Amino acid sequence: MMKFILAIMLSVLILGCAVTKVPVVIGGSRADGTVDTMYTYGTLQNVTVDMIPTDKAALSICKRWGYTDIERFPSGTRECGGYDYKGGCVDPQINHKYQCVNESKLSNE
């Protein structure tokens, strides 16, 4: 019985660390036609990222600047919010950049 309770507690602990993150707009450059976004997560969190709301926010900003579409750079950059005593990354921050464009790649195919 004790093993069963321990297994349930471990499952709850692992599943309790699963989170969905939505990156937020943190800046950009109208002159360069770029929009910057980011999200952070805890070291022990199992993260799923929902980019759809962020794509919509970036597109809205680009349209306000006179562009018609966006392209997300293929990969983000990772920075550490701090380091533990062993030098491991604590509170990672993931940054993504969007390029405002006047023509979608998809429309050219």
N, C-alpha and C. Protein backbone atom coordinates (compact mmCIF):
# COMPACT_ATOMS: atom_id res chain seq x y z
N MET A 1 0.83 -1.19 0.00
CA MET A 1 0.00 0.00 0.00
C MET A 1 0.88 1.26 0.00
N MET A 2 1.98 1.22 0.72
CA MET A 2 2.87 2.38 0.80
C MET A 2 3.48 2.69 -0.56
N LYS A 3 3.83 1.66 -1.34
CA LYS A 3 4.39 1.88 -2.68
C LYS A 3 3.36 2.54 -3.59
N PHE A 4 2.10 2.12 -3.43
CA PHE A 4 1.03 2.70 -4.24
C PHE A 4 0.86 4.19 -3.93
N ILE A 5 0.84 4.54 -2.69
CA ILE A 5 0.71 5.95 -2.28
C ILE A 5 1.90 6.76 -2.77
N LEU A 6 3.08 6.17 -2.64
CA LEU A 6 4.29 6.84 -3.11
C LEU A 6 4.24 7.06 -4.62
N ALA A 7 3.76 6.08 -5.36
CA ALA A 7 3.65 6.20 -6.82
C ALA A 7 2.66 7.30 -7.19
N ILE A 8 1.55 7.39 -6.49
CA ILE A 8 0.56 8.44 -6.76
C ILE A 8 1.15 9.81 -6.46
N MET A 9 1.85 9.93 -5.34
CA MET A 9 2.45 11.21 -4.97
C MET A 9 3.50 11.64 -6.00
N LEU A 10 4.29 10.71 -6.48
CA LEU A 10 5.30 11.01 -7.49
C LEU A 10 4.65 11.43 -8.80
N SER A 11 3.57 10.74 -9.19
CA SER A 11 2.85 11.10 -10.42
C SER A 11 2.27 12.50 -10.32
N VAL A 12 1.69 12.84 -9.19
CA VAL A 12 1.12 14.17 -9.00
C VAL A 12 2.22 15.23 -9.05
N LEU A 13 3.35 14.93 -8.46
CA LEU A 13 4.47 15.87 -8.47
C LEU A 13 4.95 16.12 -9.90
N ILE A 14 5.11 15.06 -10.67
CA ILE A 14 5.60 15.19 -12.05
C ILE A 14 4.57 15.90 -12.92
N LEU A 15 3.30 15.49 -12.84
CA LEU A 15 2.26 16.11 -13.65
C LEU A 15 1.97 17.53 -13.21
N GLY A 16 2.16 17.81 -11.94
CA GLY A 16 1.94 19.15 -11.42
C GLY A 16 2.93 20.16 -11.97
N CYS A 17 4.02 19.71 -12.52
CA CYS A 17 5.04 20.60 -13.07
C CYS A 17 4.86 20.86 -14.56
N ALA A 18 3.83 20.28 -15.17
CA ALA A 18 3.57 20.49 -16.59
C ALA A 18 2.80 21.80 -16.75
N VAL A 19 3.33 22.72 -17.54
CA VAL A 19 2.69 24.02 -17.74
C VAL A 19 2.69 24.39 -19.22
N THR A 20 1.73 25.22 -19.61
CA THR A 20 1.70 25.78 -20.95
C THR A 20 2.08 27.24 -20.84
N LYS A 21 3.02 27.66 -21.64
CA LYS A 21 3.48 29.05 -21.65
C LYS A 21 3.10 29.71 -22.95
N VAL A 22 2.71 30.97 -22.85
CA VAL A 22 2.42 31.80 -24.03
C VAL A 22 3.41 32.95 -23.99
N PRO A 23 4.33 33.02 -24.95
CA PRO A 23 5.28 34.13 -24.97
C PRO A 23 4.57 35.47 -25.09
N VAL A 24 5.13 36.49 -24.46
CA VAL A 24 4.56 37.83 -24.50
C VAL A 24 5.48 38.76 -25.29
N VAL A 25 4.89 39.77 -25.90
CA VAL A 25 5.66 40.76 -26.64
C VAL A 25 6.40 41.64 -25.63
N ILE A 26 7.71 41.78 -25.83
CA ILE A 26 8.51 42.60 -24.91
C ILE A 26 9.16 43.80 -25.60
N GLY A 27 8.98 43.90 -26.92
CA GLY A 27 9.58 45.03 -27.62
C GLY A 27 9.64 44.76 -29.10
N GLY A 28 10.41 45.59 -29.77
CA GLY A 28 10.57 45.44 -31.20
C GLY A 28 11.10 46.72 -31.80
N SER A 29 11.19 46.72 -33.11
CA SER A 29 11.70 47.89 -33.82
C SER A 29 10.87 48.10 -35.08
N ARG A 30 10.19 49.23 -35.12
CA ARG A 30 9.42 49.56 -36.31
C ARG A 30 10.36 49.74 -37.51
N ALA A 31 11.49 50.40 -37.27
CA ALA A 31 12.46 50.65 -38.36
C ALA A 31 13.00 49.35 -38.95
N ASP A 32 13.26 48.37 -38.09
CA ASP A 32 13.78 47.07 -38.56
C ASP A 32 12.67 46.11 -38.92
N GLY A 33 11.44 46.42 -38.52
CA GLY A 33 10.32 45.52 -38.77
C GLY A 33 10.43 44.23 -37.98
N THR A 34 10.82 44.34 -36.71
CA THR A 34 10.95 43.14 -35.88
C THR A 34 10.13 43.30 -34.60
N VAL A 35 9.64 42.17 -34.11
CA VAL A 35 8.89 42.10 -32.85
C VAL A 35 9.58 41.06 -31.98
N ASP A 36 9.87 41.42 -30.73
CA ASP A 36 10.55 40.52 -29.79
C ASP A 36 9.56 39.98 -28.76
N THR A 37 9.66 38.68 -28.49
CA THR A 37 8.80 38.03 -27.51
C THR A 37 9.65 37.18 -26.57
N MET A 38 9.07 36.82 -25.42
CA MET A 38 9.79 35.96 -24.49
C MET A 38 8.84 35.25 -23.54
N TYR A 39 9.35 34.17 -22.96
CA TYR A 39 8.69 33.49 -21.85
C TYR A 39 9.76 32.91 -20.94
N THR A 40 9.40 32.72 -19.70
CA THR A 40 10.30 32.10 -18.73
C THR A 40 9.63 30.85 -18.18
N TYR A 41 10.44 29.98 -17.62
CA TYR A 41 9.89 28.80 -16.97
C TYR A 41 10.82 28.36 -15.86
N GLY A 42 10.24 27.63 -14.91
CA GLY A 42 11.02 27.10 -13.81
C GLY A 42 11.87 25.92 -14.25
N THR A 43 12.95 25.71 -13.56
CA THR A 43 13.90 24.67 -13.90
C THR A 43 13.26 23.29 -13.98
N LEU A 44 12.32 22.99 -13.09
CA LEU A 44 11.72 21.65 -13.04
C LEU A 44 10.42 21.55 -13.81
N GLN A 45 10.03 22.59 -14.51
CA GLN A 45 8.77 22.57 -15.24
C GLN A 45 8.91 21.87 -16.59
N ASN A 46 7.89 21.11 -16.93
CA ASN A 46 7.77 20.48 -18.24
C ASN A 46 6.91 21.44 -19.07
N VAL A 47 7.50 22.15 -20.02
CA VAL A 47 6.85 23.25 -20.70
C VAL A 47 6.34 22.88 -22.08
N THR A 48 5.10 23.28 -22.35
CA THR A 48 4.53 23.26 -23.69
C THR A 48 4.31 24.72 -24.05
N VAL A 49 4.71 25.11 -25.26
CA VAL A 49 4.61 26.50 -25.66
C VAL A 49 3.49 26.66 -26.68
N ASP A 50 2.59 27.61 -26.41
CA ASP A 50 1.49 27.93 -27.32
C ASP A 50 1.85 29.22 -28.04
N MET A 51 2.30 29.12 -29.28
CA MET A 51 2.75 30.28 -30.05
C MET A 51 1.61 30.99 -30.78
N ILE A 52 0.44 30.39 -30.86
CA ILE A 52 -0.65 30.97 -31.65
C ILE A 52 -1.05 32.37 -31.16
N PRO A 53 -1.29 32.59 -29.85
CA PRO A 53 -1.62 33.95 -29.41
C PRO A 53 -0.48 34.94 -29.66
N THR A 54 0.75 34.46 -29.55
CA THR A 54 1.91 35.32 -29.78
C THR A 54 2.03 35.68 -31.26
N ASP A 55 1.77 34.70 -32.14
CA ASP A 55 1.77 34.98 -33.58
C ASP A 55 0.74 36.07 -33.90
N LYS A 56 -0.45 35.97 -33.30
CA LYS A 56 -1.51 36.95 -33.55
C LYS A 56 -1.10 38.34 -33.05
N ALA A 57 -0.48 38.38 -31.87
CA ALA A 57 -0.05 39.67 -31.31
C ALA A 57 1.03 40.31 -32.18
N ALA A 58 1.99 39.50 -32.63
CA ALA A 58 3.05 40.02 -33.50
C ALA A 58 2.49 40.50 -34.82
N LEU A 59 1.55 39.76 -35.39
CA LEU A 59 0.93 40.17 -36.65
C LEU A 59 0.17 41.48 -36.49
N SER A 60 -0.51 41.63 -35.37
CA SER A 60 -1.25 42.86 -35.10
C SER A 60 -0.31 44.07 -35.06
N ILE A 61 0.83 43.90 -34.40
CA ILE A 61 1.81 44.98 -34.31
C ILE A 61 2.37 45.30 -35.70
N CYS A 62 2.73 44.27 -36.44
CA CYS A 62 3.28 44.49 -37.79
C CYS A 62 2.26 45.18 -38.70
N LYS A 63 1.00 44.79 -38.61
CA LYS A 63 -0.03 45.43 -39.42
C LYS A 63 -0.19 46.90 -39.04
N ARG A 64 -0.08 47.21 -37.75
CA ARG A 64 -0.15 48.60 -37.30
C ARG A 64 0.99 49.41 -37.90
N TRP A 65 2.11 48.77 -38.14
CA TRP A 65 3.29 49.43 -38.72
C TRP A 65 3.24 49.46 -40.24
N GLY A 66 2.20 48.89 -40.86
CA GLY A 66 2.05 48.94 -42.30
C GLY A 66 2.50 47.69 -43.04
N TYR A 67 2.85 46.65 -42.33
CA TYR A 67 3.24 45.39 -42.97
C TYR A 67 2.01 44.50 -43.11
N THR A 68 2.12 43.46 -43.92
CA THR A 68 0.97 42.60 -44.15
C THR A 68 1.09 41.21 -43.52
N ASP A 69 2.30 40.81 -43.12
CA ASP A 69 2.45 39.45 -42.60
C ASP A 69 3.68 39.38 -41.70
N ILE A 70 3.89 38.22 -41.10
CA ILE A 70 5.05 37.98 -40.22
C ILE A 70 5.73 36.68 -40.59
N GLU A 71 6.99 36.60 -40.21
CA GLU A 71 7.72 35.34 -40.25
C GLU A 71 8.45 35.22 -38.92
N ARG A 72 8.26 34.09 -38.26
CA ARG A 72 8.96 33.85 -36.99
C ARG A 72 10.32 33.26 -37.30
N PHE A 73 11.34 33.79 -36.66
CA PHE A 73 12.67 33.20 -36.83
C PHE A 73 12.59 31.75 -36.35
N PRO A 74 13.31 30.83 -37.00
CA PRO A 74 13.13 29.40 -36.74
C PRO A 74 13.43 28.93 -35.32
N SER A 75 14.32 29.60 -34.63
CA SER A 75 14.60 29.15 -33.26
C SER A 75 14.80 30.36 -32.36
N GLY A 76 14.50 30.17 -31.11
CA GLY A 76 14.68 31.24 -30.14
C GLY A 76 16.05 31.17 -29.50
N THR A 77 16.32 32.17 -28.68
CA THR A 77 17.56 32.16 -27.92
C THR A 77 17.24 31.93 -26.45
N ARG A 78 18.14 31.30 -25.75
CA ARG A 78 17.93 30.95 -24.34
C ARG A 78 18.93 31.71 -23.49
N GLU A 79 18.41 32.37 -22.46
CA GLU A 79 19.24 33.05 -21.48
C GLU A 79 18.87 32.53 -20.11
N CYS A 80 19.77 32.68 -19.17
CA CYS A 80 19.51 32.23 -17.80
C CYS A 80 19.19 33.42 -16.92
N GLY A 81 18.14 33.27 -16.12
CA GLY A 81 17.78 34.32 -15.16
C GLY A 81 18.74 34.34 -13.99
N GLY A 82 19.47 33.27 -13.80
CA GLY A 82 20.44 33.16 -12.71
C GLY A 82 21.08 31.78 -12.76
N TYR A 83 21.96 31.55 -11.84
CA TYR A 83 22.69 30.28 -11.81
C TYR A 83 22.69 29.72 -10.39
N ASP A 84 22.61 28.40 -10.28
CA ASP A 84 22.68 27.78 -8.96
C ASP A 84 24.15 27.61 -8.55
N TYR A 85 24.36 27.02 -7.40
CA TYR A 85 25.72 26.90 -6.86
C TYR A 85 26.63 26.00 -7.70
N LYS A 86 26.03 25.19 -8.57
CA LYS A 86 26.83 24.33 -9.45
C LYS A 86 27.03 24.97 -10.84
N GLY A 87 26.49 26.16 -11.03
CA GLY A 87 26.60 26.82 -12.32
C GLY A 87 25.49 26.47 -13.29
N GLY A 88 24.48 25.74 -12.81
CA GLY A 88 23.35 25.37 -13.66
C GLY A 88 22.38 26.53 -13.85
N CYS A 89 21.72 26.56 -14.96
CA CYS A 89 20.77 27.62 -15.30
C CYS A 89 19.52 27.54 -14.42
N VAL A 90 19.14 28.67 -13.85
CA VAL A 90 17.93 28.78 -13.05
C VAL A 90 17.02 29.80 -13.74
N ASP A 91 15.75 29.51 -13.83
CA ASP A 91 14.76 30.39 -14.46
C ASP A 91 15.15 30.78 -15.89
N PRO A 92 15.22 29.80 -16.79
CA PRO A 92 15.58 30.10 -18.18
C PRO A 92 14.56 31.05 -18.83
N GLN A 93 15.05 31.89 -19.71
CA GLN A 93 14.21 32.81 -20.48
C GLN A 93 14.44 32.51 -21.96
N ILE A 94 13.35 32.28 -22.68
CA ILE A 94 13.43 31.99 -24.11
C ILE A 94 12.90 33.20 -24.88
N ASN A 95 13.72 33.69 -25.80
CA ASN A 95 13.35 34.85 -26.61
C ASN A 95 13.13 34.42 -28.05
N HIS A 96 12.06 34.93 -28.65
CA HIS A 96 11.77 34.68 -30.07
C HIS A 96 11.65 36.02 -30.77
N LYS A 97 12.02 36.04 -32.03
CA LYS A 97 11.94 37.27 -32.83
C LYS A 97 11.10 36.99 -34.06
N TYR A 98 10.28 37.98 -34.40
CA TYR A 98 9.47 37.94 -35.61
C TYR A 98 9.96 39.01 -36.57
N GLN A 99 9.89 38.71 -37.86
CA GLN A 99 10.19 39.69 -38.90
C GLN A 99 8.87 40.08 -39.56
N CYS A 100 8.60 41.37 -39.60
CA CYS A 100 7.43 41.86 -40.33
C CYS A 100 7.78 41.85 -41.82
N VAL A 101 6.86 41.36 -42.63
CA VAL A 101 7.10 41.28 -44.08
C VAL A 101 5.87 41.78 -44.83
N ASN A 102 6.05 42.10 -46.08
CA ASN A 102 4.93 42.55 -46.90
C ASN A 102 4.39 41.47 -47.80
N GLU A 103 4.97 40.28 -47.70
CA GLU A 103 4.50 39.18 -48.53
C GLU A 103 4.78 37.88 -47.78
N SER A 104 3.81 37.03 -47.68
CA SER A 104 3.99 35.76 -46.99
C SER A 104 4.77 34.79 -47.86
N LYS A 105 5.66 34.02 -47.23
CA LYS A 105 6.35 32.96 -47.96
C LYS A 105 5.34 31.95 -48.52
N LEU A 106 4.29 31.70 -47.76
CA LEU A 106 3.31 30.70 -48.16
C LEU A 106 2.59 31.12 -49.43
N SER A 107 2.39 32.43 -49.63
CA SER A 107 1.64 32.87 -50.82
C SER A 107 2.48 32.74 -52.09
N ASN A 108 3.79 32.53 -51.96
CA ASN A 108 4.65 32.39 -53.13
C ASN A 108 4.78 30.96 -53.61
N GLU A 109 4.24 30.03 -52.87
CA GLU A 109 4.42 28.62 -53.23
C GLU A 109 3.37 28.16 -54.20
